[in-house]
Protein backbone atom coordinates (compact mmCIF):
# COMPACT_ATOMS: atom_id res chain seq x y z
CA MET A 1 -48.48 -38.60 24.96
CA ASP A 2 -50.91 -35.74 24.40
CA ILE A 3 -48.66 -33.32 26.30
CA ALA A 4 -45.56 -34.57 24.44
CA THR A 5 -47.30 -34.15 21.09
CA GLN A 6 -48.31 -30.58 21.92
CA ILE A 7 -44.78 -29.73 23.06
CA LEU A 8 -43.25 -31.15 19.89
CA GLY A 9 -45.88 -29.40 17.78
CA GLY A 10 -45.21 -26.06 19.49
CA VAL A 11 -41.46 -26.45 19.05
CA GLY A 12 -42.04 -27.40 15.42
CA LEU A 13 -44.08 -24.27 14.82
CA ILE A 14 -41.38 -22.11 16.43
CA LEU A 15 -38.62 -23.69 14.30
CA LEU A 16 -40.71 -23.41 11.14
CA GLY A 17 -41.52 -19.79 11.92
CA MET A 18 -37.85 -19.00 12.58
CA LYS A 19 -36.84 -20.55 9.27
CA LEU A 20 -39.48 -18.65 7.32
CA MET A 21 -38.51 -15.39 9.04
CA THR A 22 -34.80 -15.90 8.45
CA ASP A 23 -35.11 -17.00 4.82
CA GLY A 24 -37.56 -14.24 3.94
CA LEU A 25 -35.63 -11.44 5.59
CA LYS A 26 -32.32 -12.64 4.14
CA LEU A 27 -33.80 -12.58 0.64
CA ALA A 28 -35.46 -9.21 1.15
CA GLY A 29 -32.44 -7.61 2.80
CA GLY A 30 -29.57 -9.46 1.12
CA LYS A 31 -28.17 -6.35 -0.61
CA MET A 32 -28.47 -4.34 2.59
CA LEU A 33 -26.62 -7.09 4.49
CA LYS A 34 -23.71 -6.98 2.04
CA GLN A 35 -23.59 -3.19 2.03
CA VAL A 36 -23.60 -2.95 5.81
CA LEU A 37 -20.91 -5.57 6.29
CA ARG A 38 -18.74 -3.96 3.63
CA THR A 39 -18.89 -0.37 4.81
CA TRP A 40 -20.18 -0.21 8.38
CA THR A 41 -17.56 -2.31 10.14
CA LYS A 42 -14.50 -0.07 10.08
CA ASN A 43 -14.16 0.02 13.87
CA GLY A 44 -15.34 -1.96 16.88
CA VAL A 45 -18.39 0.15 17.73
CA ARG A 46 -19.68 0.21 14.16
CA GLY A 47 -19.04 -3.54 13.83
CA ILE A 48 -21.04 -4.27 16.98
CA MET A 49 -23.91 -2.04 15.86
CA SER A 50 -23.93 -3.65 12.41
CA GLY A 51 -24.06 -7.14 13.88
CA PHE A 52 -26.79 -6.11 16.32
CA VAL A 53 -29.01 -4.38 13.74
CA ILE A 54 -28.75 -7.05 11.05
CA THR A 55 -29.30 -9.92 13.50
CA SER A 56 -32.29 -8.11 14.97
CA LEU A 57 -33.75 -7.82 11.48
CA VAL A 58 -33.05 -11.31 10.11
CA GLN A 59 -33.44 -13.03 13.51
CA SER A 60 -30.49 -15.34 12.84
CA SER A 61 -27.02 -14.85 14.28
CA SER A 62 -25.86 -17.85 12.23
CA ALA A 63 -26.79 -16.11 8.96
CA VAL A 64 -24.87 -12.98 9.97
CA THR A 65 -21.83 -14.98 11.12
CA VAL A 66 -21.76 -16.99 7.89
CA ALA A 67 -22.00 -13.78 5.85
CA ALA A 68 -19.14 -12.26 7.85
CA ILE A 69 -17.02 -15.37 7.24
CA GLY A 70 -17.70 -15.12 3.52
CA PHE A 71 -16.56 -11.50 3.43
CA VAL A 72 -13.39 -12.34 5.38
CA ASN A 73 -12.51 -15.10 2.93
CA ALA A 74 -13.19 -12.77 0.00
CA GLY A 75 -10.89 -10.13 1.48
CA ILE A 76 -13.70 -7.58 1.83
CA MET A 77 -13.56 -7.72 5.64
CA ARG A 78 -10.67 -8.42 7.95
CA LEU A 79 -10.89 -10.97 10.71
CA ARG A 80 -10.80 -8.27 13.38
CA GLN A 81 -13.82 -6.57 11.77
CA ALA A 82 -15.77 -9.84 11.64
CA VAL A 83 -15.06 -10.44 15.33
CA TRP A 84 -16.92 -7.27 16.32
CA VAL A 85 -19.81 -8.20 14.04
CA VAL A 86 -20.08 -11.54 15.87
CA TYR A 87 -20.14 -9.73 19.22
CA GLY A 88 -22.97 -7.49 18.03
CA SER A 89 -24.78 -10.47 16.56
CA ASN A 90 -24.83 -12.14 19.99
CA VAL A 91 -26.56 -9.10 21.45
CA GLY A 92 -28.89 -9.01 18.45
CA THR A 93 -30.20 -12.49 19.27
CA THR A 94 -31.62 -11.12 22.53
CA THR A 95 -34.26 -9.20 20.57
CA THR A 96 -36.15 -12.49 20.15
CA ALA A 97 -36.60 -12.68 23.90
CA TRP A 98 -37.92 -9.11 23.96
CA ILE A 99 -40.37 -9.86 21.15
CA VAL A 100 -41.67 -12.91 22.99
CA ALA A 101 -41.80 -11.07 26.32
CA PHE A 102 -43.65 -8.00 25.03
CA VAL A 103 -45.84 -9.60 22.37
CA GLY A 104 -46.01 -13.35 22.57
CA LEU A 105 -46.88 -13.64 26.25
CA LYS A 106 -49.01 -10.53 26.79
CA VAL A 107 -51.59 -10.36 24.03
CA ASN A 108 -54.06 -12.62 22.32
CA VAL A 109 -51.65 -14.25 19.90
CA LYS A 110 -54.26 -15.62 17.51
CA ALA A 111 -55.80 -12.17 17.17
CA PHE A 112 -52.78 -10.97 15.20
CA ALA A 113 -50.84 -14.17 14.33
CA LEU A 114 -53.49 -15.63 12.02
CA PRO A 115 -53.96 -12.36 10.06
CA MET A 116 -50.16 -12.08 9.77
CA ILE A 117 -50.04 -15.58 8.31
CA ALA A 118 -52.88 -14.84 5.91
CA VAL A 119 -51.39 -11.57 4.67
CA GLY A 120 -47.89 -13.03 4.56
CA VAL A 121 -48.92 -16.06 2.51
CA ALA A 122 -50.84 -13.83 0.08
CA MET A 123 -47.76 -11.65 -0.42
CA TRP A 124 -45.61 -14.77 -0.73
CA LEU A 125 -47.83 -16.32 -3.42
CA PHE A 126 -48.58 -13.19 -5.45
CA GLY A 127 -45.58 -10.99 -4.75
CA GLY A 128 -43.73 -11.93 -7.94
CA ASN A 129 -39.94 -11.58 -8.16
CA GLY A 130 -39.62 -8.41 -6.09
CA ARG A 131 -39.26 -7.92 -2.36
CA LYS A 132 -42.93 -8.50 -1.58
CA ALA A 133 -42.66 -12.29 -1.78
CA PRO A 134 -39.75 -12.68 0.68
CA LEU A 135 -41.28 -10.06 3.00
CA GLY A 136 -44.53 -12.02 2.91
CA GLU A 137 -42.58 -15.18 3.76
CA ALA A 138 -41.04 -13.39 6.74
CA LEU A 139 -44.43 -12.04 7.87
CA ALA A 140 -45.97 -15.50 7.70
CA GLY A 141 -42.96 -16.79 9.66
CA PHE A 142 -43.61 -14.29 12.45
CA GLY A 143 -47.20 -15.49 12.68
CA VAL A 144 -46.22 -19.17 12.77
CA PHE A 145 -43.55 -18.42 15.38
CA PHE A 146 -46.06 -16.78 17.73
CA LEU A 147 -48.55 -19.60 17.24
CA GLY A 148 -45.83 -21.94 18.45
CA VAL A 149 -45.21 -19.69 21.46
CA GLU A 150 -48.93 -19.78 22.28
CA VAL A 151 -49.00 -23.60 22.12
CA LEU A 152 -46.09 -23.80 24.55
CA GLN A 153 -47.65 -21.10 26.73
CA GLU A 154 -50.84 -23.16 27.04
CA ILE A 155 -49.04 -26.40 27.81
CA ALA A 156 -46.36 -24.95 30.15
CA PRO A 157 -48.53 -24.89 33.33
CA LEU A 158 -49.48 -28.55 32.80
CA VAL A 159 -45.86 -29.60 32.35
CA LEU A 160 -44.41 -27.44 35.10
CA GLY A 161 -47.21 -28.40 37.49
CA SER A 162 -46.13 -32.05 37.33
CA PHE A 163 -42.62 -31.19 38.58
CA THR A 164 -41.33 -29.68 41.78
CA PHE A 165 -38.39 -27.32 41.62
CA GLN A 166 -37.82 -27.00 45.35
CA GLY A 167 -35.11 -29.66 45.31
CA LEU A 168 -33.16 -27.96 42.56
CA VAL A 169 -33.52 -24.55 44.19
CA PHE A 170 -32.26 -25.92 47.52
CA GLN A 171 -29.29 -27.46 45.72
CA GLY A 172 -28.36 -23.98 44.57
CA MET A 173 -25.49 -23.97 42.11
CA LEU A 174 -25.90 -27.66 41.24
CA GLY A 175 -29.54 -27.13 40.26
CA GLN A 176 -28.65 -24.06 38.22
CA LEU A 177 -25.88 -25.98 36.44
CA ALA A 178 -28.42 -28.66 35.59
CA PHE A 179 -30.76 -26.13 33.98
CA MET A 180 -27.83 -24.44 32.26
CA ALA A 181 -27.09 -27.83 30.68
CA ILE A 182 -30.77 -28.16 29.72
CA GLY A 183 -30.68 -24.75 28.00
CA PHE A 184 -27.53 -25.75 26.14
CA GLY A 185 -29.11 -29.05 25.12
CA LEU A 186 -32.25 -27.36 23.82
CA THR A 187 -30.23 -25.06 21.56
CA PHE A 188 -27.99 -27.92 20.45
CA VAL A 189 -30.90 -30.18 19.52
CA MET A 190 -33.00 -27.49 17.82
CA GLN A 191 -29.99 -25.52 16.46
CA SER A 192 -31.83 -22.34 17.36
CA SER A 193 -31.17 -20.30 20.49
CA SER A 194 -34.27 -18.22 19.70
CA ALA A 195 -36.48 -21.32 19.88
CA ALA A 196 -34.79 -22.40 23.11
CA MET A 197 -35.32 -18.92 24.56
CA ALA A 198 -39.01 -19.08 23.69
CA LEU A 199 -39.28 -22.35 25.61
CA VAL A 200 -37.49 -20.95 28.65
CA LEU A 201 -39.56 -17.75 28.68
CA THR A 202 -42.84 -19.62 28.51
CA ALA A 203 -41.60 -21.94 31.27
CA ALA A 204 -40.71 -18.91 33.43
CA ALA A 205 -44.13 -17.39 32.80
CA GLY A 206 -45.63 -20.74 33.87
CA GLY A 207 -43.82 -20.84 37.22
CA LEU A 208 -40.18 -21.83 36.70
CA PRO A 209 -38.11 -20.06 39.43
CA MET A 210 -36.20 -17.04 38.16
CA PRO A 211 -32.61 -18.14 39.05
CA THR A 212 -33.26 -21.52 37.46
CA ALA A 213 -34.72 -19.97 34.31
CA ALA A 214 -31.82 -17.49 34.14
CA ALA A 215 -29.36 -20.41 34.25
CA ALA A 216 -31.25 -22.02 31.35
CA VAL A 217 -30.97 -18.73 29.43
CA ILE A 218 -27.20 -18.78 29.92
CA GLY A 219 -27.12 -22.36 28.65
CA ALA A 220 -29.22 -21.49 25.60
CA ASN A 221 -26.88 -18.59 24.81
CA LEU A 222 -23.85 -20.86 25.19
CA GLY A 223 -25.54 -23.43 22.95
CA THR A 224 -25.13 -21.15 19.92
CA THR A 225 -21.46 -22.15 19.92
CA SER A 226 -22.52 -25.64 18.84
CA THR A 227 -24.07 -24.17 15.69
CA ALA A 228 -20.89 -22.29 14.87
CA THR A 229 -18.72 -25.32 15.61
CA LEU A 230 -20.80 -27.62 13.40
CA ALA A 231 -20.91 -25.03 10.62
CA VAL A 232 -17.12 -24.86 10.23
CA ILE A 233 -16.41 -28.60 9.99
CA GLY A 234 -14.29 -28.87 6.87
CA ALA A 235 -14.43 -25.09 6.35
CA THR A 236 -11.62 -22.62 5.72
CA SER A 237 -9.10 -21.49 8.32
CA ASN A 238 -10.71 -18.07 8.66
CA ALA A 239 -14.08 -19.68 9.30
CA LYS A 240 -12.58 -21.81 12.05
CA ARG A 241 -10.82 -18.81 13.60
CA LEU A 242 -14.00 -16.78 13.69
CA ALA A 243 -15.88 -19.73 15.18
CA LEU A 244 -13.17 -20.05 17.84
CA VAL A 245 -13.59 -16.38 18.77
CA HIS A 246 -17.34 -16.99 18.98
CA VAL A 247 -16.78 -19.94 21.32
CA VAL A 248 -14.37 -17.98 23.53
CA PHE A 249 -16.76 -15.03 23.72
CA ASN A 250 -19.79 -17.16 24.63
CA MET A 251 -17.92 -19.34 27.11
CA LEU A 252 -16.38 -16.38 28.91
CA THR A 253 -19.74 -14.62 28.91
CA ALA A 254 -21.43 -17.74 30.30
CA VAL A 255 -18.86 -18.09 33.11
CA VAL A 256 -19.21 -14.44 34.13
CA ALA A 257 -23.02 -14.49 33.87
CA PHE A 258 -23.25 -17.67 35.92
CA GLY A 259 -20.90 -16.32 38.58
CA LEU A 260 -22.84 -13.05 38.82
CA LEU A 261 -26.27 -14.60 38.21
CA ARG A 262 -27.91 -13.65 41.49
CA LEU A 263 -26.20 -10.25 41.56
CA ILE A 264 -27.48 -9.38 38.06
CA LEU A 265 -30.98 -10.60 38.92
CA LEU A 266 -30.90 -8.58 42.15
CA GLY A 267 -29.95 -5.46 40.19
CA ILE A 268 -32.80 -6.07 37.72
CA THR A 269 -35.27 -6.57 40.59
CA LYS A 270 -34.18 -3.36 42.36
CA ALA A 271 -34.45 -1.43 39.09
CA ARG A 272 -37.96 -2.82 38.55
CA MET A 273 -39.01 -1.89 42.08
CA SER A 274 -37.55 1.63 41.84
CA LEU A 275 -39.57 2.17 38.65
CA ASN A 276 -42.72 0.70 40.25
CA MET A 277 -42.98 -1.91 37.51
CA ALA A 278 -45.04 -5.06 37.95
CA THR A 279 -43.35 -8.43 38.29
CA ASP A 280 -42.87 -9.96 34.84
CA PRO A 281 -40.54 -13.02 34.64
CA ALA A 282 -40.35 -12.96 30.83
CA THR A 283 -39.30 -9.31 30.69
CA GLU A 284 -36.77 -9.79 33.49
CA LEU A 285 -35.24 -12.76 31.66
CA ALA A 286 -35.08 -10.80 28.40
CA LEU A 287 -33.29 -7.99 30.25
CA PHE A 288 -31.00 -10.52 31.93
CA HIS A 289 -30.16 -12.03 28.51
CA SER A 290 -29.27 -8.61 27.09
CA CYS A 291 -27.33 -7.51 30.17
CA PHE A 292 -24.93 -10.41 30.32
CA ASN A 293 -24.25 -10.28 26.56
CA VAL A 294 -23.44 -6.57 26.79
CA LEU A 295 -21.31 -7.36 29.86
CA GLY A 296 -19.51 -9.98 27.76
CA ILE A 297 -18.62 -7.35 25.14
CA LEU A 298 -17.27 -5.02 27.84
CA ILE A 299 -15.11 -7.84 29.19
CA MET A 300 -13.86 -8.86 25.74
CA TRP A 301 -13.18 -5.31 24.56
CA PRO A 302 -9.65 -4.91 26.02
CA ILE A 303 -8.51 -8.41 25.05
CA THR A 304 -10.02 -8.68 21.55
CA ALA A 305 -6.93 -7.37 19.74
CA LYS A 306 -4.67 -9.95 21.39
CA LEU A 307 -7.30 -12.68 20.94
CA THR A 308 -7.54 -11.92 17.22
CA GLU A 309 -3.76 -12.12 16.84
CA TRP A 310 -3.74 -15.38 18.79
CA VAL A 311 -6.37 -17.08 16.64
CA LYS A 312 -4.50 -16.06 13.49
CA HIS A 313 -1.87 -18.63 14.49
CA ARG A 314 -4.47 -21.38 14.88
CA PHE A 315 -5.71 -23.70 12.09
CA ARG A 316 -2.89 -22.59 9.80
CA THR A 317 -2.66 -24.28 6.42
CA ALA A 318 0.49 -25.15 4.49
CA GLU A 319 -0.04 -22.30 2.04
CA GLU A 320 -0.48 -19.80 4.88
CA ASP A 321 2.77 -20.89 6.53
CA GLU A 322 4.84 -20.94 3.35
CA GLY A 323 2.98 -17.95 1.95
CA THR A 324 4.01 -15.78 4.91
CA PRO A 325 7.01 -13.55 4.06
CA ARG A 326 10.15 -14.42 6.02
CA TYR A 327 12.39 -11.48 5.18
CA LEU A 328 10.12 -8.47 4.65
CA ASP A 329 10.57 -6.86 8.06
CA ARG A 330 9.26 -3.30 8.12
CA THR A 331 12.06 -2.26 10.47
CA VAL A 332 14.56 -2.46 7.57
CA LEU A 333 12.61 0.05 5.46
CA ALA A 334 14.70 2.80 7.05
CA THR A 335 17.82 1.18 5.57
CA PRO A 336 17.09 0.85 1.83
CA PRO A 337 20.04 -1.43 0.92
CA LEU A 338 18.91 -3.92 3.58
CA ALA A 339 15.30 -3.59 2.42
CA VAL A 340 16.28 -4.30 -1.20
CA ASN A 341 18.26 -7.31 -0.03
CA ALA A 342 15.19 -8.55 1.90
CA LEU A 343 13.12 -8.24 -1.27
CA ILE A 344 15.70 -10.22 -3.24
CA MET A 345 15.69 -12.98 -0.63
CA GLU A 346 11.87 -13.14 -0.76
CA LEU A 347 12.05 -13.31 -4.54
CA GLY A 348 14.25 -16.36 -4.08
CA ARG A 349 11.35 -18.06 -2.28
CA ILE A 350 8.97 -17.12 -5.10
CA SER A 351 11.49 -18.56 -7.56
CA GLU A 352 11.51 -21.83 -5.63
CA VAL A 353 7.71 -22.13 -5.74
CA ALA A 354 7.59 -21.32 -9.47
CA ARG A 355 10.23 -23.96 -10.27
CA ARG A 356 8.35 -26.50 -8.15
CA MET A 357 5.15 -25.84 -10.07
CA ALA A 358 6.97 -26.02 -13.41
CA HIS A 359 8.68 -29.29 -12.48
CA THR A 360 5.31 -30.82 -11.55
CA ALA A 361 3.86 -29.71 -14.89
CA VAL A 362 6.53 -31.51 -16.96
CA THR A 363 7.27 -34.60 -14.87
CA CYS A 364 3.98 -35.77 -13.39
CA ARG A 365 2.51 -38.77 -15.19
CA PRO A 366 0.06 -40.30 -15.13
CA LYS A 367 -2.58 -38.34 -13.22
CA PRO A 368 -3.48 -37.57 -10.50
CA CYS A 369 -0.64 -35.10 -10.10
CA LYS A 370 0.23 -32.97 -7.12
CA ASP A 371 -2.40 -30.30 -6.60
CA MET A 372 -0.77 -27.06 -7.73
CA SER A 373 -3.50 -24.87 -6.30
CA ILE A 374 -1.67 -24.71 -2.96
CA ASP A 375 1.55 -23.51 -4.63
CA ARG A 376 -0.52 -21.07 -6.66
CA THR A 377 -1.94 -19.61 -3.45
CA ILE A 378 1.52 -19.44 -1.85
CA MET A 379 2.91 -17.58 -4.85
CA GLY A 380 0.00 -15.15 -4.85
CA ARG A 381 0.52 -14.34 -1.17
CA LEU A 382 4.27 -13.82 -1.57
CA GLN A 383 3.86 -11.78 -4.73
CA GLY A 384 1.33 -9.51 -3.01
CA ALA A 385 3.64 -9.05 -0.01
CA VAL A 386 6.58 -8.18 -2.29
CA SER A 387 4.47 -5.63 -4.19
CA LYS A 388 3.29 -3.92 -0.99
CA PHE A 389 6.79 -3.86 0.55
CA THR A 390 8.21 -2.44 -2.68
CA SER A 391 5.56 0.29 -2.68
CA ASP A 392 6.35 1.17 0.96
CA LEU A 393 10.08 1.23 0.22
CA SER A 394 9.62 3.56 -2.76
CA ARG A 395 8.40 6.26 -0.35
CA GLN A 396 11.73 6.24 1.52
CA GLY A 397 14.77 8.30 0.63
CA LEU A 398 16.58 6.01 -1.82
CA SER A 399 19.93 6.09 -3.56
CA GLN A 400 19.88 5.90 -7.35
CA LEU A 401 20.96 2.25 -7.29
CA SER A 402 18.24 1.27 -4.81
CA ALA A 403 15.60 3.21 -6.75
CA ASP A 404 16.64 1.49 -9.98
CA SER A 405 16.30 -1.92 -8.30
CA LEU A 406 12.62 -1.59 -7.40
CA PRO A 407 11.16 -1.87 -10.94
CA GLN A 408 13.43 -4.88 -11.50
CA VAL A 409 12.08 -6.50 -8.32
CA LEU A 410 8.51 -6.18 -9.55
CA ARG A 411 9.51 -7.49 -12.98
CA VAL A 412 11.09 -10.60 -11.45
CA ALA A 413 7.96 -11.24 -9.40
CA GLN A 414 5.86 -10.90 -12.54
CA TYR A 415 8.07 -13.34 -14.49
CA TYR A 416 7.67 -15.99 -11.81
CA THR A 417 3.95 -15.37 -11.39
CA ALA A 418 3.48 -15.80 -15.15
CA ALA A 419 5.56 -18.99 -15.03
CA GLY A 420 3.34 -20.37 -12.28
CA GLU A 421 0.18 -19.66 -14.26
CA MET A 422 1.66 -21.30 -17.35
CA ALA A 423 2.61 -24.35 -15.29
CA VAL A 424 -1.02 -24.77 -14.24
CA GLU A 425 -2.14 -24.47 -17.87
CA ALA A 426 0.59 -26.77 -19.24
CA GLU A 427 -0.13 -29.54 -16.74
CA VAL A 428 -3.35 -30.48 -18.53
CA PHE A 429 -1.44 -31.73 -21.58
CA LEU A 430 -0.93 -35.06 -19.77
CA GLU A 431 -4.52 -35.91 -20.57
CA GLU A 432 -3.52 -36.27 -24.24
CA MET A 433 -0.64 -38.70 -23.71
CA GLY A 434 -2.78 -41.82 -23.53
CA ARG A 435 -4.01 -41.24 -27.08
CA MET A 436 -0.57 -41.28 -28.67
CA GLU A 437 0.24 -44.32 -30.80
CA ASN A 438 3.18 -43.03 -32.83
CA GLN A 439 6.21 -44.23 -30.87
CA ASP A 440 8.62 -41.84 -32.60
CA VAL A 441 6.56 -38.90 -31.40
CA VAL A 442 6.25 -40.42 -27.92
CA GLN A 443 10.04 -40.82 -27.68
CA GLU A 444 10.65 -37.26 -28.84
CA MET A 445 8.06 -36.02 -26.34
CA ASP A 446 9.65 -37.94 -23.46
CA ALA A 447 13.07 -36.63 -24.40
CA LEU A 448 11.78 -33.07 -24.56
CA LEU A 449 10.09 -33.36 -21.19
CA GLY A 450 13.30 -34.66 -19.64
CA ILE A 451 15.28 -31.76 -21.07
CA ALA A 452 12.59 -29.33 -19.86
CA ALA A 453 12.84 -30.76 -16.32
CA THR A 454 16.63 -30.39 -16.37
CA SER A 455 16.35 -26.82 -17.61
CA ILE A 456 13.87 -25.99 -14.85
CA THR A 457 16.07 -27.53 -12.15
CA ASN A 458 19.08 -25.50 -13.31
CA ALA A 459 17.16 -22.22 -13.40
CA ASP A 460 17.96 -21.64 -9.73
CA PRO A 461 19.86 -18.33 -9.43
CA GLU A 462 20.81 -19.11 -5.82
CA HIS A 463 22.59 -22.38 -6.64
CA GLU A 464 26.39 -22.23 -6.47
CA THR A 465 26.80 -23.61 -10.01
CA PHE A 466 24.41 -21.09 -11.58
CA SER A 467 25.70 -18.76 -14.27
CA PRO A 468 23.95 -16.92 -17.14
CA ALA A 469 26.15 -18.72 -19.68
CA ARG A 470 25.32 -22.15 -18.26
CA LEU A 471 21.61 -21.34 -18.17
CA GLY A 472 21.83 -20.25 -21.80
CA LEU A 473 23.23 -23.65 -22.77
CA PHE A 474 20.27 -25.44 -21.18
CA LEU A 475 17.84 -23.09 -22.92
CA ASP A 476 19.53 -23.65 -26.31
CA ASN A 477 19.36 -27.41 -25.79
CA PHE A 478 15.67 -27.20 -24.98
CA GLU A 479 15.00 -25.01 -28.06
CA ARG A 480 16.69 -27.53 -30.35
CA SER A 481 14.74 -30.40 -28.82
CA TYR A 482 11.52 -28.41 -29.02
CA GLN A 483 11.98 -27.75 -32.75
CA MET A 484 12.80 -31.43 -33.39
CA PHE A 485 9.67 -32.51 -31.51
CA LYS A 486 7.57 -29.94 -33.33
CA ASP A 487 8.86 -31.12 -36.73
CA LYS A 488 8.26 -34.77 -35.81
CA LEU A 489 4.72 -34.02 -34.62
CA LEU A 490 3.84 -32.00 -37.72
CA GLN A 491 5.21 -34.75 -39.92
CA ALA A 492 3.14 -37.35 -38.08
CA GLY A 493 0.09 -35.17 -38.49
CA THR A 494 0.74 -34.80 -42.21
CA TRP A 495 0.85 -38.59 -42.63
CA ASP A 496 -2.20 -39.08 -40.38
CA ASP A 497 -0.16 -40.97 -37.78
CA VAL A 498 -1.53 -38.48 -35.23
CA ASP A 499 -5.05 -37.12 -35.53
CA ASN A 500 -5.35 -33.39 -36.10
CA GLU A 501 -7.06 -32.63 -32.77
CA THR A 502 -4.33 -34.36 -30.75
CA MET A 503 -1.60 -32.68 -32.78
CA VAL A 504 -3.01 -29.20 -32.20
CA ALA A 505 -3.51 -29.91 -28.48
CA LEU A 506 0.08 -31.11 -28.04
CA LEU A 507 1.50 -28.18 -29.98
CA ASP A 508 -0.46 -25.84 -27.72
CA ARG A 509 0.64 -27.57 -24.50
CA PHE A 510 4.33 -27.69 -25.45
CA SER A 511 4.19 -24.10 -26.61
CA ARG A 512 3.05 -23.25 -23.08
CA ILE A 513 5.90 -25.27 -21.61
CA ARG A 514 8.31 -23.40 -23.86
CA ARG A 515 6.99 -20.01 -22.70
CA LEU A 516 7.06 -21.29 -19.12
CA ILE A 517 10.78 -22.09 -19.35
CA GLN A 518 11.45 -18.76 -21.02
CA GLN A 519 9.71 -16.91 -18.16
CA LEU A 520 11.68 -18.91 -15.58
CA ASN A 521 14.94 -18.11 -17.37
CA LYS A 522 14.12 -14.39 -17.57
CA GLY A 523 13.26 -14.34 -13.87
CA ALA A 524 16.42 -16.27 -12.95
CA LEU A 525 18.73 -14.01 -14.99
CA LEU A 526 17.23 -10.79 -13.63
CA LEU A 527 17.19 -12.09 -10.04
CA TYR A 528 20.84 -13.14 -10.41
CA ALA A 529 21.70 -9.62 -11.62
CA LEU A 530 19.82 -8.07 -8.71
CA ARG A 531 21.66 -10.25 -6.21
CA THR A 532 25.00 -9.38 -7.76
CA ASN A 533 24.27 -5.63 -7.74
CA ALA A 534 23.01 -5.78 -4.14
CA ILE A 535 26.20 -7.49 -2.99
CA ILE A 536 28.30 -4.88 -4.78
CA GLN A 537 26.30 -2.01 -3.26
CA MET A 538 26.52 -3.39 0.29
CA ARG A 539 30.27 -3.88 -0.05
CA SER A 540 30.76 -0.36 -1.42
CA GLU A 541 28.80 1.16 1.48
CA GLN A 542 30.88 -0.74 4.00
């Protein structure tokens, strides 16, 4: 029980120290972290270096990975940039092993750990709102971390002396697999590969055979995938994709490192002997940890581009599938009439989404209604794709008719985008319906909503029955009904049959619905004209 208590206490000190270090350094270097991830990740080498440097400073690959995910979701970084940052972050975690090997196991820990804690706590308590307080927290964390290492270092010979490793060594690969699983389990339970590495290094310094300890190091490194996997439960698609890349990288690295375990250790031993260096298990393990992570990057380098493209098709959401352009193929840019036609067909998809949102806004009752945020995202993606394709097309040699079509394309997209935003705003008017007691107003409102739904349904420029004249009839019918409803509502408000707050709210909501239908009609009429002109142009060029 005494040994178990000391082990748990040492592990607790290591975990507490890691948390203090990570939190303090993240607070002190938060702006630097954002700046580096924004500007220093334009290619693979810079991404790896950024991930390595930042992880070495904050001593948390999880913090760097989460930050990278956030920038991907915000559009500041692309997925392929974040992938390289994750690679570099994996190498950055190996600096913990070097710190432990060179400092924690070779000097009198208390001689510098306790002063670090004292100074760090003083800075933490009296540092104010600047960087001194978080830096003091980090400094205290370093001291606590090394105290934990010392506790484990003192107890390791007692623990290891009660076991015999000859059986596992004789079993060869089976014994190494067992310790690889132990390393994975340590990281999984403590959710810190750095803490697991500290345990393995102190065990190696206490007598754990080198191949066995190296297998445990591989397991601890692989265990970081559990942190990434747990972190993305319920997260966004990009978070899951980046976590999948992390898992693939660590698994492939673990397989290669395990297969070449003895060969890598032999190379490290020969290098040590050629340099006349003394035997030091902790340093050799730290070097082994760094070597196989760098080897993993070299292996992943030629396949990362294809891997990134592959993961983009995983964990796809409905808005990503429907929000992906179907007709905007860059190969047709060289043929402007075909490119304009592709834009018109994509506008038809935007029109469909806008009408769907508008129909939800006027027909859904009572709440909860269909969540329009997905359609809003779809429309935003399609609208952005249309804008970019239009900009690319404008740089081509265009005929006058094709050149004249491009501003109209952007105008149609804007009409439908505005209609979608108005649909989101108008949908909230349903909250007021339960307060209505005047049945005449309720009947007029129901009639107006029905006419609005019919007008929206018939604002489809791709339907075979569509015509500008027919659409105009629906719009005129809606305008008459809108004015009748408005008069009825104002009259009810005058006679106090509807309270003033409700009256103003309903006037506002139905005014939005009116503008929504007007935007849909403008988009439909202009899109219909574009389709007609495109057909005429293609026939004339044939």
